[in-house]
Amino acid sequence: MYAYVLQEQGNLLELVDPSLGSNYSQEEAMRMLSLALLCTNPSPTLRPTMSSVVRMLEGKIPIQAPIIKRSENNQDLRFKAFELLSQDSQTHVSSAYSQESMKQENKSEDGPWLDSSLYLESGDGHSSSSKLI
């Protein structure tokens, strides 16, 4: 859904991996991102057929603009949430990440305990056990 918000805002290229820097074709990235949006449309009836996707990839037919039908109820609320996230993504993402990290730390204290024994095979083929501290 976040990709649709970026597409509506004209910022779809924000989805490109930043590690690429400027070492990619913006035109090709836009084509692939637009096609990806077509293929992941929430409404299955609005997704292109596989044969159409292949023809679009081959350049035989143009890639259509993604179509998304927003309803006036719950889906609109989800889009609003993504729009807010888009406007201030760093604050929201880092806050959510911090909260999730804290949850994971708490879980690890309550999680399964593993035996810390290490079994080593000596040079003579016998096994020995030592406890890790």
C-alpha atoms as a PDB file:
ATOM      1  CA  MET A   1       0.000   0.000   0.000  1.00  0.00           C
ATOM      2  CA  TYR A   2       2.870   2.366   0.768  1.00  0.00           C
ATOM      3  CA  ALA A   3       4.024   2.051  -2.842  1.00  0.00           C
ATOM      4  CA  TYR A   4       0.620   3.275  -4.046  1.00  0.00           C
ATOM      5  CA  VAL A   5       0.903   6.341  -1.824  1.00  0.00           C
ATOM      6  CA  LEU A   6       4.358   7.085  -3.233  1.00  0.00           C
ATOM      7  CA  GLN A   7       3.018   6.579  -6.764  1.00  0.00           C
ATOM      8  CA  GLU A   8       0.172   9.020  -6.139  1.00  0.00           C
ATOM      9  CA  GLN A   9       2.656  11.557  -4.773  1.00  0.00           C
ATOM     10  CA  GLY A  10       4.944  11.102  -7.776  1.00  0.00           C
ATOM     11  CA  ASN A  11       7.716   9.696  -5.576  1.00  0.00           C
ATOM     12  CA  LEU A  12       7.742   6.080  -6.736  1.00  0.00           C
ATOM     13  CA  LEU A  13      11.524   6.105  -7.220  1.00  0.00           C
ATOM     14  CA  GLU A  14      11.885   6.297  -3.428  1.00  0.00           C
ATOM     15  CA  LEU A  15      11.330   2.524  -3.531  1.00  0.00           C
ATOM     16  CA  VAL A  16      14.618   1.988  -5.379  1.00  0.00           C
ATOM     17  CA  ASP A  17      17.362   0.586  -3.166  1.00  0.00           C
ATOM     18  CA  PRO A  18      19.453   3.573  -1.994  1.00  0.00           C
ATOM     19  CA  SER A  19      22.626   1.482  -2.208  1.00  0.00           C
ATOM     20  CA  LEU A  20      22.322   1.743  -6.010  1.00  0.00           C
ATOM     21  CA  GLY A  21      23.001   5.468  -5.788  1.00  0.00           C
ATOM     22  CA  SER A  22      22.531   6.827  -9.289  1.00  0.00           C
ATOM     23  CA  ASN A  23      23.780   3.641 -10.969  1.00  0.00           C
ATOM     24  CA  TYR A  24      20.456   2.640 -12.506  1.00  0.00           C
ATOM     25  CA  SER A  25      18.124   3.733 -15.256  1.00  0.00           C
ATOM     26  CA  GLN A  26      15.309   5.803 -13.762  1.00  0.00           C
ATOM     27  CA  GLU A  27      13.150   5.045 -16.793  1.00  0.00           C
ATOM     28  CA  GLU A  28      13.628   1.288 -16.393  1.00  0.00           C
ATOM     29  CA  ALA A  29      13.049   1.488 -12.633  1.00  0.00           C
ATOM     30  CA  MET A  30       9.784   3.363 -13.205  1.00  0.00           C
ATOM     31  CA  ARG A  31       8.674   0.739 -15.738  1.00  0.00           C
ATOM     32  CA  MET A  32       9.413  -2.141 -13.341  1.00  0.00           C
ATOM     33  CA  LEU A  33       7.849  -0.397 -10.337  1.00  0.00           C
ATOM     34  CA  SER A  34       4.718   0.437 -12.322  1.00  0.00           C
ATOM     35  CA  LEU A  35       4.479  -3.149 -13.513  1.00  0.00           C
ATOM     36  CA  ALA A  36       4.971  -4.389  -9.953  1.00  0.00           C
ATOM     37  CA  LEU A  37       2.103  -2.168  -8.813  1.00  0.00           C
ATOM     38  CA  LEU A  38      -0.090  -3.595 -11.564  1.00  0.00           C
ATOM     39  CA  CYS A  39       0.739  -7.159 -10.529  1.00  0.00           C
ATOM     40  CA  THR A  40       0.129  -6.550  -6.826  1.00  0.00           C
ATOM     41  CA  ASN A  41      -3.151  -4.689  -7.137  1.00  0.00           C
ATOM     42  CA  PRO A  42      -5.357  -5.483  -4.128  1.00  0.00           C
ATOM     43  CA  SER A  43      -8.160  -6.355  -6.552  1.00  0.00           C
ATOM     44  CA  PRO A  44      -7.283  -9.571  -8.421  1.00  0.00           C
ATOM     45  CA  THR A  45      -9.588  -8.634 -11.294  1.00  0.00           C
ATOM     46  CA  LEU A  46      -7.511  -5.512 -11.971  1.00  0.00           C
ATOM     47  CA  ARG A  47      -4.211  -7.424 -12.202  1.00  0.00           C
ATOM     48  CA  PRO A  48      -2.864  -8.142 -15.703  1.00  0.00           C
ATOM     49  CA  THR A  49      -2.713 -11.664 -17.052  1.00  0.00           C
ATOM     50  CA  MET A  50       0.668 -13.361 -17.087  1.00  0.00           C
ATOM     51  CA  SER A  51       0.803 -13.187 -20.881  1.00  0.00           C
ATOM     52  CA  SER A  52       0.220  -9.416 -20.691  1.00  0.00           C
ATOM     53  CA  VAL A  53       2.987  -9.080 -18.109  1.00  0.00           C
ATOM     54  CA  VAL A  54       5.381 -10.948 -20.386  1.00  0.00           C
ATOM     55  CA  ARG A  55       4.470  -8.722 -23.342  1.00  0.00           C
ATOM     56  CA  MET A  56       4.976  -5.623 -21.165  1.00  0.00           C
ATOM     57  CA  LEU A  57       8.394  -6.898 -20.059  1.00  0.00           C
ATOM     58  CA  GLU A  58       9.314  -7.543 -23.692  1.00  0.00           C
ATOM     59  CA  GLY A  59       8.204  -4.020 -24.616  1.00  0.00           C
ATOM     60  CA  LYS A  60       5.543  -5.291 -27.031  1.00  0.00           C
ATOM     61  CA  ILE A  61       2.762  -3.442 -25.224  1.00  0.00           C
ATOM     62  CA  PRO A  62       2.996  -0.364 -23.000  1.00  0.00           C
ATOM     63  CA  ILE A  63       2.838  -0.729 -19.237  1.00  0.00           C
ATOM     64  CA  GLN A  64      -0.503   0.603 -18.118  1.00  0.00           C
ATOM     65  CA  ALA A  65      -0.829   3.034 -15.234  1.00  0.00           C
ATOM     66  CA  PRO A  66      -1.661   1.175 -12.020  1.00  0.00           C
ATOM     67  CA  ILE A  67      -5.350   1.286 -11.133  1.00  0.00           C
ATOM     68  CA  ILE A  68      -6.455   1.027  -7.552  1.00  0.00           C
ATOM     69  CA  LYS A  69      -9.990   1.247  -6.316  1.00  0.00           C
ATOM     70  CA  ARG A  70     -10.219   2.871  -2.919  1.00  0.00           C
ATOM     71  CA  SER A  71     -13.330   2.308  -0.894  1.00  0.00           C
ATOM     72  CA  GLU A  72     -14.650   4.970   1.421  1.00  0.00           C
ATOM     73  CA  ASN A  73     -14.247   2.866   4.559  1.00  0.00           C
ATOM     74  CA  ASN A  74     -11.403   0.767   5.956  1.00  0.00           C
ATOM     75  CA  GLN A  75      -9.102   0.867   2.940  1.00  0.00           C
ATOM     76  CA  ASP A  76      -9.169   4.654   3.006  1.00  0.00           C
ATOM     77  CA  LEU A  77      -8.027   4.556   6.623  1.00  0.00           C
ATOM     78  CA  ARG A  78      -5.142   2.278   5.676  1.00  0.00           C
ATOM     79  CA  PHE A  79      -4.120   4.694   2.928  1.00  0.00           C
ATOM     80  CA  LYS A  80      -4.283   7.594   5.378  1.00  0.00           C
ATOM     81  CA  ALA A  81      -1.944   5.705   7.690  1.00  0.00           C
ATOM     82  CA  PHE A  82       0.518   5.155   4.848  1.00  0.00           C
ATOM     83  CA  GLU A  83       0.261   8.800   3.817  1.00  0.00           C
ATOM     84  CA  LEU A  84       1.133   9.868   7.352  1.00  0.00           C
ATOM     85  CA  LEU A  85       3.997   7.420   7.361  1.00  0.00           C
ATOM     86  CA  SER A  86       5.209   8.827   4.069  1.00  0.00           C
ATOM     87  CA  GLN A  87       5.144  12.391   5.380  1.00  0.00           C
ATOM     88  CA  ASP A  88       7.241  11.616   8.433  1.00  0.00           C
ATOM     89  CA  SER A  89       8.665   8.179   7.765  1.00  0.00           C
ATOM     90  CA  GLN A  90      11.887   8.434   9.731  1.00  0.00           C
ATOM     91  CA  THR A  91      10.177   9.333  12.999  1.00  0.00           C
ATOM     92  CA  HIS A  92       7.470   6.698  12.674  1.00  0.00           C
ATOM     93  CA  VAL A  93       9.776   3.946  11.428  1.00  0.00           C
ATOM     94  CA  SER A  94      12.477   4.498  14.041  1.00  0.00           C
ATOM     95  CA  SER A  95       9.855   4.632  16.807  1.00  0.00           C
ATOM     96  CA  ALA A  96       8.227   1.406  15.609  1.00  0.00           C
ATOM     97  CA  TYR A  97      11.641  -0.237  15.269  1.00  0.00           C
ATOM     98  CA  SER A  98      12.598   0.756  18.822  1.00  0.00           C
ATOM     99  CA  GLN A  99       9.356  -0.625  20.215  1.00  0.00           C
ATOM    100  CA  GLU A 100       9.772  -3.879  18.285  1.00  0.00           C
ATOM    101  CA  SER A 101      13.392  -4.191  19.427  1.00  0.00           C
ATOM    102  CA  MET A 102      12.298  -3.822  23.036  1.00  0.00           C
ATOM    103  CA  LYS A 103       9.662  -6.523  22.540  1.00  0.00           C
ATOM    104  CA  GLN A 104      12.255  -8.842  21.002  1.00  0.00           C
ATOM    105  CA  GLU A 105      14.672  -8.245  23.894  1.00  0.00           C
ATOM    106  CA  ASN A 106      11.943  -9.108  26.389  1.00  0.00           C
ATOM    107  CA  LYS A 107      11.042 -12.232  24.425  1.00  0.00           C
ATOM    108  CA  SER A 108      14.644 -13.416  24.349  1.00  0.00           C
ATOM    109  CA  GLU A 109      14.721 -13.423  28.169  1.00  0.00           C
ATOM    110  CA  ASP A 110      11.602 -15.574  28.245  1.00  0.00           C
ATOM    111  CA  GLY A 111      12.517 -17.697  25.246  1.00  0.00           C
ATOM    112  CA  PRO A 112      13.728 -21.268  25.053  1.00  0.00           C
ATOM    113  CA  TRP A 113      16.911 -22.063  26.926  1.00  0.00           C
ATOM    114  CA  LEU A 114      19.692 -23.825  25.100  1.00  0.00           C
ATOM    115  CA  ASP A 115      22.223 -26.125  26.702  1.00  0.00           C
ATOM    116  CA  SER A 116      25.621 -24.528  26.527  1.00  0.00           C
ATOM    117  CA  SER A 117      27.530 -27.812  26.447  1.00  0.00           C
ATOM    118  CA  LEU A 118      30.081 -28.186  23.730  1.00  0.00           C
ATOM    119  CA  TYR A 119      31.021 -31.636  22.552  1.00  0.00           C
ATOM    120  CA  LEU A 120      34.475 -31.905  21.090  1.00  0.00           C
ATOM    121  CA  GLU A 121      36.028 -34.866  19.431  1.00  0.00           C
ATOM    122  CA  SER A 122      39.583 -35.424  20.571  1.00  0.00           C
ATOM    123  CA  GLY A 123      42.332 -36.541  18.272  1.00  0.00           C
ATOM    124  CA  ASP A 124      41.933 -40.166  19.404  1.00  0.00           C
ATOM    125  CA  GLY A 125      38.297 -40.337  18.253  1.00  0.00           C
ATOM    126  CA  HIS A 126      36.720 -40.042  21.717  1.00  0.00           C
ATOM    127  CA  SER A 127      34.164 -37.380  22.525  1.00  0.00           C
ATOM    128  CA  SER A 128      34.609 -35.059  25.428  1.00  0.00           C
ATOM    129  CA  SER A 129      32.223 -32.550  26.894  1.00  0.00           C
ATOM    130  CA  SER A 130      33.046 -29.139  28.292  1.00  0.00           C
ATOM    131  CA  LYS A 131      30.761 -26.490  29.697  1.00  0.00           C
ATOM    132  CA  LEU A 132      30.786 -22.981  28.195  1.00  0.00           C
ATOM    133  CA  ILE A 133      30.656 -20.116  30.650  1.00  0.00           C
END
